[in-house]
Amino acid sequence: MRDTVHKRVIDEYLLLNIVGSIACADMAKSSHRSLGEGMTVMDRLVIDASRVGNLDLLVAEEDTDCMIVSERVFRHLSTAAYGDILFEELEQA
C-alpha cells in the first residue's frame, strides 16, 4: 500500500474480504465465455441495477475480479485522487 500523505510504502498489512457478492450480472447482455465447468470469464459486464439496490460497494458473483462501487463512492474516491484505482463505467440493464 502507498501512503501518499506520509510518502511511504506499507508492506506489512492484512487484507480481509468484508465485501459481499451479489448475483447481479445480466448474463444475456454481458459478454462472457466459459473456460470449463464453473469457470466463466466476463469480457463485458452488464449489471441488473434492480438486483444491486442501494449498496455502495459489492462484488458481482459472476465476476469476482473487480469491485463495483456506487456513483456516490466513485465521486468521493475520484475527488481524493488515488492514483492506484482504475474506474470503468459499467453498463446497466
PDB file of N, CA and C in Angstrom:
ATOM      1  N   MET A   1       0.839  -1.169   0.000  1.00  0.00           N
ATOM      2  CA  MET A   1       0.000   0.000   0.000  1.00  0.00           C
ATOM      3  C   MET A   1       0.885   1.233   0.000  1.00  0.00           C
ATOM      4  N   ARG A   2       0.437   2.240  -0.734  1.00  0.00           N
ATOM      5  CA  ARG A   2       1.172   3.505  -0.745  1.00  0.00           C
ATOM      6  C   ARG A   2       0.437   4.549   0.064  1.00  0.00           C
ATOM      7  N   ASP A   3       1.136   5.145   1.020  1.00  0.00           N
ATOM      8  CA  ASP A   3       0.605   6.251   1.818  1.00  0.00           C
ATOM      9  C   ASP A   3       1.210   7.516   1.221  1.00  0.00           C
ATOM     10  N   THR A   4       0.446   8.184   0.352  1.00  0.00           N
ATOM     11  CA  THR A   4       0.980   9.372  -0.329  1.00  0.00           C
ATOM     12  C   THR A   4       1.058  10.579   0.588  1.00  0.00           C
ATOM     13  N   VAL A   5       0.294  10.581   1.669  1.00  0.00           N
ATOM     14  CA  VAL A   5       0.331  11.695   2.613  1.00  0.00           C
ATOM     15  C   VAL A   5       1.668  11.728   3.344  1.00  0.00           C
ATOM     16  N   HIS A   6       2.099  10.549   3.813  1.00  0.00           N
ATOM     17  CA  HIS A   6       3.357  10.468   4.566  1.00  0.00           C
ATOM     18  C   HIS A   6       4.519   9.966   3.713  1.00  0.00           C
ATOM     19  N   LYS A   7       4.262   9.781   2.411  1.00  0.00           N
ATOM     20  CA  LYS A   7       5.278   9.364   1.444  1.00  0.00           C
ATOM     21  C   LYS A   7       6.021   8.104   1.900  1.00  0.00           C
ATOM     22  N   ARG A   8       5.236   7.035   2.093  1.00  0.00           N
ATOM     23  CA  ARG A   8       5.845   5.772   2.496  1.00  0.00           C
ATOM     24  C   ARG A   8       5.082   4.612   1.870  1.00  0.00           C
ATOM     25  N   VAL A   9       5.742   3.471   1.799  1.00  0.00           N
ATOM     26  CA  VAL A   9       5.123   2.247   1.309  1.00  0.00           C
ATOM     27  C   VAL A   9       4.958   1.310   2.500  1.00  0.00           C
ATOM     28  N   ILE A  10       3.761   0.769   2.647  1.00  0.00           N
ATOM     29  CA  ILE A  10       3.469  -0.147   3.749  1.00  0.00           C
ATOM     30  C   ILE A  10       3.398  -1.555   3.163  1.00  0.00           C
ATOM     31  N   ASP A  11       4.368  -2.396   3.534  1.00  0.00           N
ATOM     32  CA  ASP A  11       4.434  -3.760   3.010  1.00  0.00           C
ATOM     33  C   ASP A  11       3.729  -4.772   3.901  1.00  0.00           C
ATOM     34  N   GLU A  12       3.594  -4.469   5.172  1.00  0.00           N
ATOM     35  CA  GLU A  12       3.017  -5.429   6.114  1.00  0.00           C
ATOM     36  C   GLU A  12       1.585  -5.012   6.454  1.00  0.00           C
ATOM     37  N   TYR A  13       0.635  -5.689   5.835  1.00  0.00           N
ATOM     38  CA  TYR A  13      -0.766  -5.410   6.116  1.00  0.00           C
ATOM     39  C   TYR A  13      -1.576  -6.673   5.883  1.00  0.00           C
ATOM     40  N   LEU A  14      -2.741  -6.709   6.411  1.00  0.00           N
ATOM     41  CA  LEU A  14      -3.649  -7.833   6.274  1.00  0.00           C
ATOM     42  C   LEU A  14      -4.874  -7.359   5.520  1.00  0.00           C
ATOM     43  N   LEU A  15      -5.242  -8.084   4.494  1.00  0.00           N
ATOM     44  CA  LEU A  15      -6.419  -7.741   3.700  1.00  0.00           C
ATOM     45  C   LEU A  15      -7.529  -8.722   4.045  1.00  0.00           C
ATOM     46  N   LEU A  16      -8.658  -8.205   4.461  1.00  0.00           N
ATOM     47  CA  LEU A  16      -9.814  -9.029   4.787  1.00  0.00           C
ATOM     48  C   LEU A  16     -10.905  -8.815   3.750  1.00  0.00           C
ATOM     49  N   ASN A  17     -11.583  -9.874   3.389  1.00  0.00           N
ATOM     50  CA  ASN A  17     -12.691  -9.759   2.450  1.00  0.00           C
ATOM     51  C   ASN A  17     -13.964  -9.495   3.241  1.00  0.00           C
ATOM     52  N   ILE A  18     -14.356  -8.240   3.312  1.00  0.00           N
ATOM     53  CA  ILE A  18     -15.573  -7.879   4.033  1.00  0.00           C
ATOM     54  C   ILE A  18     -16.649  -7.375   3.074  1.00  0.00           C
ATOM     55  N   VAL A  19     -16.387  -7.515   1.798  1.00  0.00           N
ATOM     56  CA  VAL A  19     -17.333  -7.058   0.783  1.00  0.00           C
ATOM     57  C   VAL A  19     -18.129  -8.260   0.291  1.00  0.00           C
ATOM     58  N   GLY A  20     -19.438  -8.144   0.309  1.00  0.00           N
ATOM     59  CA  GLY A  20     -20.289  -9.234  -0.116  1.00  0.00           C
ATOM     60  C   GLY A  20     -20.434  -9.315  -1.623  1.00  0.00           C
ATOM     61  N   SER A  21     -20.802 -10.476  -2.092  1.00  0.00           N
ATOM     62  CA  SER A  21     -21.040 -10.653  -3.523  1.00  0.00           C
ATOM     63  C   SER A  21     -22.532 -10.857  -3.764  1.00  0.00           C
ATOM     64  N   ILE A  22     -22.990 -10.357  -4.889  1.00  0.00           N
ATOM     65  CA  ILE A  22     -24.394 -10.432  -5.263  1.00  0.00           C
ATOM     66  C   ILE A  22     -24.483 -10.889  -6.717  1.00  0.00           C
ATOM     67  N   ALA A  23     -25.402 -11.776  -6.996  1.00  0.00           N
ATOM     68  CA  ALA A  23     -25.654 -12.189  -8.378  1.00  0.00           C
ATOM     69  C   ALA A  23     -26.410 -11.059  -9.052  1.00  0.00           C
ATOM     70  N   CYS A  24     -25.696 -10.213  -9.777  1.00  0.00           N
ATOM     71  CA  CYS A  24     -26.325  -9.024 -10.363  1.00  0.00           C
ATOM     72  C   CYS A  24     -26.013  -8.851 -11.847  1.00  0.00           C
ATOM     73  N   ALA A  25     -25.309  -9.783 -12.447  1.00  0.00           N
ATOM     74  CA  ALA A  25     -24.988  -9.660 -13.869  1.00  0.00           C
ATOM     75  C   ALA A  25     -26.196 -10.020 -14.720  1.00  0.00           C
ATOM     76  N   ASP A  26     -26.396  -9.263 -15.772  1.00  0.00           N
ATOM     77  CA  ASP A  26     -27.377  -9.621 -16.792  1.00  0.00           C
ATOM     78  C   ASP A  26     -26.601 -10.439 -17.823  1.00  0.00           C
ATOM     79  N   MET A  27     -26.631 -11.743 -17.649  1.00  0.00           N
ATOM     80  CA  MET A  27     -25.797 -12.619 -18.470  1.00  0.00           C
ATOM     81  C   MET A  27     -26.176 -12.569 -19.949  1.00  0.00           C
ATOM     82  N   ALA A  28     -27.435 -12.296 -20.255  1.00  0.00           N
ATOM     83  CA  ALA A  28     -27.860 -12.221 -21.658  1.00  0.00           C
ATOM     84  C   ALA A  28     -27.250 -11.013 -22.362  1.00  0.00           C
ATOM     85  N   LYS A  29     -27.011  -9.935 -21.618  1.00  0.00           N
ATOM     86  CA  LYS A  29     -26.456  -8.717 -22.214  1.00  0.00           C
ATOM     87  C   LYS A  29     -24.954  -8.594 -22.024  1.00  0.00           C
ATOM     88  N   SER A  30     -24.392  -9.357 -21.091  1.00  0.00           N
ATOM     89  CA  SER A  30     -22.948  -9.332 -20.844  1.00  0.00           C
ATOM     90  C   SER A  30     -22.240 -10.190 -21.886  1.00  0.00           C
ATOM     91  N   SER A  31     -20.964  -9.904 -22.107  1.00  0.00           N
ATOM     92  CA  SER A  31     -20.134 -10.748 -22.975  1.00  0.00           C
ATOM     93  C   SER A  31     -19.285 -11.625 -22.064  1.00  0.00           C
ATOM     94  N   HIS A  32     -19.397 -12.941 -22.230  1.00  0.00           N
ATOM     95  CA  HIS A  32     -18.666 -13.860 -21.372  1.00  0.00           C
ATOM     96  C   HIS A  32     -18.342 -15.137 -22.135  1.00  0.00           C
ATOM     97  N   ARG A  33     -17.397 -15.892 -21.590  1.00  0.00           N
ATOM     98  CA  ARG A  33     -17.025 -17.171 -22.194  1.00  0.00           C
ATOM     99  C   ARG A  33     -16.659 -18.141 -21.082  1.00  0.00           C
ATOM    100  N   SER A  34     -16.785 -19.391 -21.373  1.00  0.00           N
ATOM    101  CA  SER A  34     -16.507 -20.425 -20.384  1.00  0.00           C
ATOM    102  C   SER A  34     -15.130 -21.021 -20.621  1.00  0.00           C
ATOM    103  N   LEU A  35     -14.414 -21.248 -19.541  1.00  0.00           N
ATOM    104  CA  LEU A  35     -13.129 -21.937 -19.606  1.00  0.00           C
ATOM    105  C   LEU A  35     -13.269 -23.376 -19.107  1.00  0.00           C
ATOM    106  N   GLY A  36     -14.485 -23.768 -18.827  1.00  0.00           N
ATOM    107  CA  GLY A  36     -14.764 -25.089 -18.273  1.00  0.00           C
ATOM    108  C   GLY A  36     -15.853 -24.956 -17.231  1.00  0.00           C
ATOM    109  N   GLU A  37     -16.243 -26.059 -16.656  1.00  0.00           N
ATOM    110  CA  GLU A  37     -17.338 -26.040 -15.687  1.00  0.00           C
ATOM    111  C   GLU A  37     -17.019 -25.136 -14.500  1.00  0.00           C
ATOM    112  N   GLY A  38     -17.909 -24.168 -14.263  1.00  0.00           N
ATOM    113  CA  GLY A  38     -17.752 -23.259 -13.135  1.00  0.00           C
ATOM    114  C   GLY A  38     -16.701 -22.177 -13.327  1.00  0.00           C
ATOM    115  N   MET A  39     -16.162 -22.049 -14.535  1.00  0.00           N
ATOM    116  CA  MET A  39     -15.118 -21.042 -14.795  1.00  0.00           C
ATOM    117  C   MET A  39     -15.557 -20.148 -15.946  1.00  0.00           C
ATOM    118  N   THR A  40     -16.106 -18.975 -15.609  1.00  0.00           N
ATOM    119  CA  THR A  40     -16.604 -18.033 -16.594  1.00  0.00           C
ATOM    120  C   THR A  40     -15.736 -16.783 -16.586  1.00  0.00           C
ATOM    121  N   VAL A  41     -15.352 -16.341 -17.764  1.00  0.00           N
ATOM    122  CA  VAL A  41     -14.597 -15.096 -17.914  1.00  0.00           C
ATOM    123  C   VAL A  41     -15.552 -14.049 -18.460  1.00  0.00           C
ATOM    124  N   MET A  42     -15.663 -12.932 -17.753  1.00  0.00           N
ATOM    125  CA  MET A  42     -16.526 -11.841 -18.190  1.00  0.00           C
ATOM    126  C   MET A  42     -15.685 -10.856 -19.004  1.00  0.00           C
ATOM    127  N   ASP A  43     -16.000 -10.695 -20.273  1.00  0.00           N
ATOM    128  CA  ASP A  43     -15.303  -9.723 -21.115  1.00  0.00           C
ATOM    129  C   ASP A  43     -15.960  -8.350 -21.035  1.00  0.00           C
ATOM    130  N   ARG A  44     -17.263  -8.338 -20.830  1.00  0.00           N
ATOM    131  CA  ARG A  44     -18.004  -7.083 -20.668  1.00  0.00           C
ATOM    132  C   ARG A  44     -19.168  -7.363 -19.732  1.00  0.00           C
ATOM    133  N   LEU A  45     -19.110  -6.760 -18.557  1.00  0.00           N
ATOM    134  CA  LEU A  45     -20.128  -6.989 -17.539  1.00  0.00           C
ATOM    135  C   LEU A  45     -21.228  -5.946 -17.649  1.00  0.00           C
ATOM    136  N   VAL A  46     -22.460  -6.422 -17.776  1.00  0.00           N
ATOM    137  CA  VAL A  46     -23.637  -5.559 -17.726  1.00  0.00           C
ATOM    138  C   VAL A  46     -24.418  -5.986 -16.492  1.00  0.00           C
ATOM    139  N   ILE A  47     -24.690  -5.027 -15.608  1.00  0.00           N
ATOM    140  CA  ILE A  47     -25.368  -5.389 -14.366  1.00  0.00           C
ATOM    141  C   ILE A  47     -26.850  -5.041 -14.423  1.00  0.00           C
ATOM    142  N   ASP A  48     -27.606  -5.808 -13.666  1.00  0.00           N
ATOM    143  CA  ASP A  48     -29.030  -5.544 -13.481  1.00  0.00           C
ATOM    144  C   ASP A  48     -29.128  -4.696 -12.219  1.00  0.00           C
ATOM    145  N   ALA A  49     -29.307  -3.394 -12.380  1.00  0.00           N
ATOM    146  CA  ALA A  49     -29.291  -2.449 -11.260  1.00  0.00           C
ATOM    147  C   ALA A  49     -30.365  -2.759 -10.225  1.00  0.00           C
ATOM    148  N   SER A  50     -31.442  -3.399 -10.623  1.00  0.00           N
ATOM    149  CA  SER A  50     -32.504  -3.715  -9.666  1.00  0.00           C
ATOM    150  C   SER A  50     -32.050  -4.748  -8.635  1.00  0.00           C
ATOM    151  N   ARG A  51     -31.034  -5.531  -8.948  1.00  0.00           N
ATOM    152  CA  ARG A  51     -30.510  -6.524  -8.002  1.00  0.00           C
ATOM    153  C   ARG A  51     -29.504  -5.918  -7.019  1.00  0.00           C
ATOM    154  N   VAL A  52     -28.964  -4.762  -7.364  1.00  0.00           N
ATOM    155  CA  VAL A  52     -27.937  -4.119  -6.531  1.00  0.00           C
ATOM    156  C   VAL A  52     -28.564  -3.300  -5.411  1.00  0.00           C
ATOM    157  N   GLY A  53     -29.720  -2.717  -5.679  1.00  0.00           N
ATOM    158  CA  GLY A  53     -30.376  -1.887  -4.674  1.00  0.00           C
ATOM    159  C   GLY A  53     -29.571  -0.635  -4.386  1.00  0.00           C
ATOM    160  N   ASN A  54     -29.463  -0.276  -3.126  1.00  0.00           N
ATOM    161  CA  ASN A  54     -28.740   0.951  -2.753  1.00  0.00           C
ATOM    162  C   ASN A  54     -27.376   0.666  -2.154  1.00  0.00           C
ATOM    163  N   LEU A  55     -26.791  -0.494  -2.472  1.00  0.00           N
ATOM    164  CA  LEU A  55     -25.464  -0.831  -1.960  1.00  0.00           C
ATOM    165  C   LEU A  55     -24.406   0.078  -2.573  1.00  0.00           C
ATOM    166  N   ASP A  56     -23.411   0.438  -1.783  1.00  0.00           N
ATOM    167  CA  ASP A  56     -22.329   1.295  -2.254  1.00  0.00           C
ATOM    168  C   ASP A  56     -21.104   0.526  -2.730  1.00  0.00           C
ATOM    169  N   LEU A  57     -20.943  -0.710  -2.266  1.00  0.00           N
ATOM    170  CA  LEU A  57     -19.741  -1.484  -2.592  1.00  0.00           C
ATOM    171  C   LEU A  57     -20.102  -2.959  -2.614  1.00  0.00           C
ATOM    172  N   LEU A  58     -19.770  -3.640  -3.699  1.00  0.00           N
ATOM    173  CA  LEU A  58     -20.074  -5.059  -3.820  1.00  0.00           C
ATOM    174  C   LEU A  58     -19.205  -5.692  -4.878  1.00  0.00           C
ATOM    175  N   VAL A  59     -19.274  -7.007  -4.930  1.00  0.00           N
ATOM    176  CA  VAL A  59     -18.616  -7.782  -5.977  1.00  0.00           C
ATOM    177  C   VAL A  59     -19.711  -8.570  -6.682  1.00  0.00           C
ATOM    178  N   ALA A  60     -19.674  -8.568  -8.001  1.00  0.00           N
ATOM    179  CA  ALA A  60     -20.645  -9.367  -8.757  1.00  0.00           C
ATOM    180  C   ALA A  60     -20.255 -10.834  -8.607  1.00  0.00           C
ATOM    181  N   GLU A  61     -21.206 -11.669  -8.215  1.00  0.00           N
ATOM    182  CA  GLU A  61     -20.930 -13.101  -8.068  1.00  0.00           C
ATOM    183  C   GLU A  61     -20.380 -13.697  -9.353  1.00  0.00           C
ATOM    184  N   GLU A  62     -20.830 -13.171 -10.470  1.00  0.00           N
ATOM    185  CA  GLU A  62     -20.432 -13.717 -11.768  1.00  0.00           C
ATOM    186  C   GLU A  62     -19.055 -13.233 -12.220  1.00  0.00           C
ATOM    187  N   ASP A  63     -18.515 -12.191 -11.568  1.00  0.00           N
ATOM    188  CA  ASP A  63     -17.215 -11.625 -11.966  1.00  0.00           C
ATOM    189  C   ASP A  63     -16.511 -11.099 -10.725  1.00  0.00           C
ATOM    190  N   THR A  64     -15.812 -11.974 -10.036  1.00  0.00           N
ATOM    191  CA  THR A  64     -15.207 -11.608  -8.754  1.00  0.00           C
ATOM    192  C   THR A  64     -13.858 -10.911  -8.893  1.00  0.00           C
ATOM    193  N   ASP A  65     -13.449 -10.582 -10.115  1.00  0.00           N
ATOM    194  CA  ASP A  65     -12.159  -9.920 -10.332  1.00  0.00           C
ATOM    195  C   ASP A  65     -12.206  -8.408 -10.119  1.00  0.00           C
ATOM    196  N   CYS A  66     -13.380  -7.852  -9.924  1.00  0.00           N
ATOM    197  CA  CYS A  66     -13.462  -6.400  -9.739  1.00  0.00           C
ATOM    198  C   CYS A  66     -14.534  -6.062  -8.715  1.00  0.00           C
ATOM    199  N   MET A  67     -14.400  -4.881  -8.161  1.00  0.00           N
ATOM    200  CA  MET A  67     -15.403  -4.395  -7.222  1.00  0.00           C
ATOM    201  C   MET A  67     -16.282  -3.388  -7.938  1.00  0.00           C
ATOM    202  N   ILE A  68     -17.535  -3.369  -7.549  1.00  0.00           N
ATOM    203  CA  ILE A  68     -18.488  -2.417  -8.101  1.00  0.00           C
ATOM    204  C   ILE A  68     -18.793  -1.402  -7.009  1.00  0.00           C
ATOM    205  N   VAL A  69     -18.668  -0.126  -7.360  1.00  0.00           N
ATOM    206  CA  VAL A  69     -18.964   0.931  -6.397  1.00  0.00           C
ATOM    207  C   VAL A  69     -20.099   1.797  -6.936  1.00  0.00           C
ATOM    208  N   SER A  70     -20.809   2.408  -6.021  1.00  0.00           N
ATOM    209  CA  SER A  70     -21.897   3.308  -6.405  1.00  0.00           C
ATOM    210  C   SER A  70     -21.318   4.598  -6.968  1.00  0.00           C
ATOM    211  N   GLU A  71     -22.166   5.358  -7.594  1.00  0.00           N
ATOM    212  CA  GLU A  71     -21.761   6.674  -8.120  1.00  0.00           C
ATOM    213  C   GLU A  71     -21.264   7.559  -6.983  1.00  0.00           C
ATOM    214  N   ARG A  72     -21.902   7.465  -5.830  1.00  0.00           N
ATOM    215  CA  ARG A  72     -21.507   8.264  -4.663  1.00  0.00           C
ATOM    216  C   ARG A  72     -20.087   7.933  -4.220  1.00  0.00           C
ATOM    217  N   VAL A  73     -19.737   6.650  -4.149  1.00  0.00           N
ATOM    218  CA  VAL A  73     -18.380   6.241  -3.755  1.00  0.00           C
ATOM    219  C   VAL A  73     -17.388   6.629  -4.845  1.00  0.00           C
ATOM    220  N   PHE A  74     -17.778   6.465  -6.103  1.00  0.00           N
ATOM    221  CA  PHE A  74     -16.913   6.869  -7.216  1.00  0.00           C
ATOM    222  C   PHE A  74     -16.548   8.347  -7.118  1.00  0.00           C
ATOM    223  N   ARG A  75     -17.543   9.196  -6.879  1.00  0.00           N
ATOM    224  CA  ARG A  75     -17.264  10.636  -6.775  1.00  0.00           C
ATOM    225  C   ARG A  75     -16.318  10.938  -5.613  1.00  0.00           C
ATOM    226  N   HIS A  76     -16.523  10.286  -4.483  1.00  0.00           N
ATOM    227  CA  HIS A  76     -15.666  10.506  -3.323  1.00  0.00           C
ATOM    228  C   HIS A  76     -14.222  10.075  -3.619  1.00  0.00           C
ATOM    229  N   LEU A  77     -14.054   8.883  -4.175  1.00  0.00           N
ATOM    230  CA  LEU A  77     -12.707   8.386  -4.457  1.00  0.00           C
ATOM    231  C   LEU A  77     -12.031   9.185  -5.562  1.00  0.00           C
ATOM    232  N   SER A  78     -12.802   9.637  -6.532  1.00  0.00           N
ATOM    233  CA  SER A  78     -12.232  10.459  -7.611  1.00  0.00           C
ATOM    234  C   SER A  78     -11.735  11.794  -7.080  1.00  0.00           C
ATOM    235  N   THR A  79     -12.477  12.372  -6.156  1.00  0.00           N
ATOM    236  CA  THR A  79     -12.076  13.642  -5.541  1.00  0.00           C
ATOM    237  C   THR A  79     -10.789  13.474  -4.741  1.00  0.00           C
ATOM    238  N   ALA A  80     -10.618  12.311  -4.112  1.00  0.00           N
ATOM    239  CA  ALA A  80      -9.419  12.045  -3.309  1.00  0.00           C
ATOM    240  C   ALA A  80      -8.198  11.806  -4.192  1.00  0.00           C
ATOM    241  N   ALA A  81      -8.395  11.540  -5.464  1.00  0.00           N
ATOM    242  CA  ALA A  81      -7.326  11.397  -6.464  1.00  0.00           C
ATOM    243  C   ALA A  81      -6.325  10.297  -6.125  1.00  0.00           C
ATOM    244  N   TYR A  82      -6.837   9.111  -5.774  1.00  0.00           N
ATOM    245  CA  TYR A  82      -5.956   7.962  -5.594  1.00  0.00           C
ATOM    246  C   TYR A  82      -5.455   7.530  -6.958  1.00  0.00           C
ATOM    247  N   GLY A  83      -4.143   7.450  -7.109  1.00  0.00           N
ATOM    248  CA  GLY A  83      -3.562   7.108  -8.409  1.00  0.00           C
ATOM    249  C   GLY A  83      -3.598   5.631  -8.744  1.00  0.00           C
ATOM    250  N   ASP A  84      -3.874   4.779  -7.768  1.00  0.00           N
ATOM    251  CA  ASP A  84      -3.814   3.335  -7.983  1.00  0.00           C
ATOM    252  C   ASP A  84      -5.162   2.693  -8.281  1.00  0.00           C
ATOM    253  N   ILE A  85      -6.222   3.479  -8.361  1.00  0.00           N
ATOM    254  CA  ILE A  85      -7.548   2.925  -8.590  1.00  0.00           C
ATOM    255  C   ILE A  85      -7.976   3.229 -10.018  1.00  0.00           C
ATOM    256  N   LEU A  86      -8.347   2.189 -10.737  1.00  0.00           N
ATOM    257  CA  LEU A  86      -8.836   2.345 -12.108  1.00  0.00           C
ATOM    258  C   LEU A  86     -10.353   2.164 -12.090  1.00  0.00           C
ATOM    259  N   PHE A  87     -11.059   3.133 -12.618  1.00  0.00           N
ATOM    260  CA  PHE A  87     -12.515   3.063 -12.699  1.00  0.00           C
ATOM    261  C   PHE A  87     -12.934   2.827 -14.141  1.00  0.00           C
ATOM    262  N   GLU A  88     -13.901   1.937 -14.329  1.00  0.00           N
ATOM    263  CA  GLU A  88     -14.515   1.725 -15.630  1.00  0.00           C
ATOM    264  C   GLU A  88     -16.023   1.794 -15.432  1.00  0.00           C
ATOM    265  N   GLU A  89     -16.686   2.524 -16.302  1.00  0.00           N
ATOM    266  CA  GLU A  89     -18.137   2.647 -16.189  1.00  0.00           C
ATOM    267  C   GLU A  89     -18.797   1.353 -16.609  1.00  0.00           C
ATOM    268  N   LEU A  90     -19.744   0.893 -15.812  1.00  0.00           N
ATOM    269  CA  LEU A  90     -20.474  -0.329 -16.132  1.00  0.00           C
ATOM    270  C   LEU A  90     -21.778   0.016 -16.837  1.00  0.00           C
ATOM    271  N   GLU A  91     -22.161  -0.880 -17.721  1.00  0.00           N
ATOM    272  CA  GLU A  91     -23.470  -0.743 -18.351  1.00  0.00           C
ATOM    273  C   GLU A  91     -24.509  -1.336 -17.412  1.00  0.00           C
ATOM    274  N   GLN A  92     -25.689  -0.744 -17.418  1.00  0.00           N
ATOM    275  CA  GLN A  92     -26.785  -1.248 -16.607  1.00  0.00           C
ATOM    276  C   GLN A  92     -27.934  -1.671 -17.499  1.00  0.00           C
ATOM    277  N   ALA A  93     -28.522  -2.796 -17.147  1.00  0.00           N
ATOM    278  CA  ALA A  93     -29.673  -3.303 -17.915  1.00  0.00           C
ATOM    279  C   ALA A  93     -30.941  -2.703 -17.356  1.00  0.00           C
TER     280      ALA A  93
END
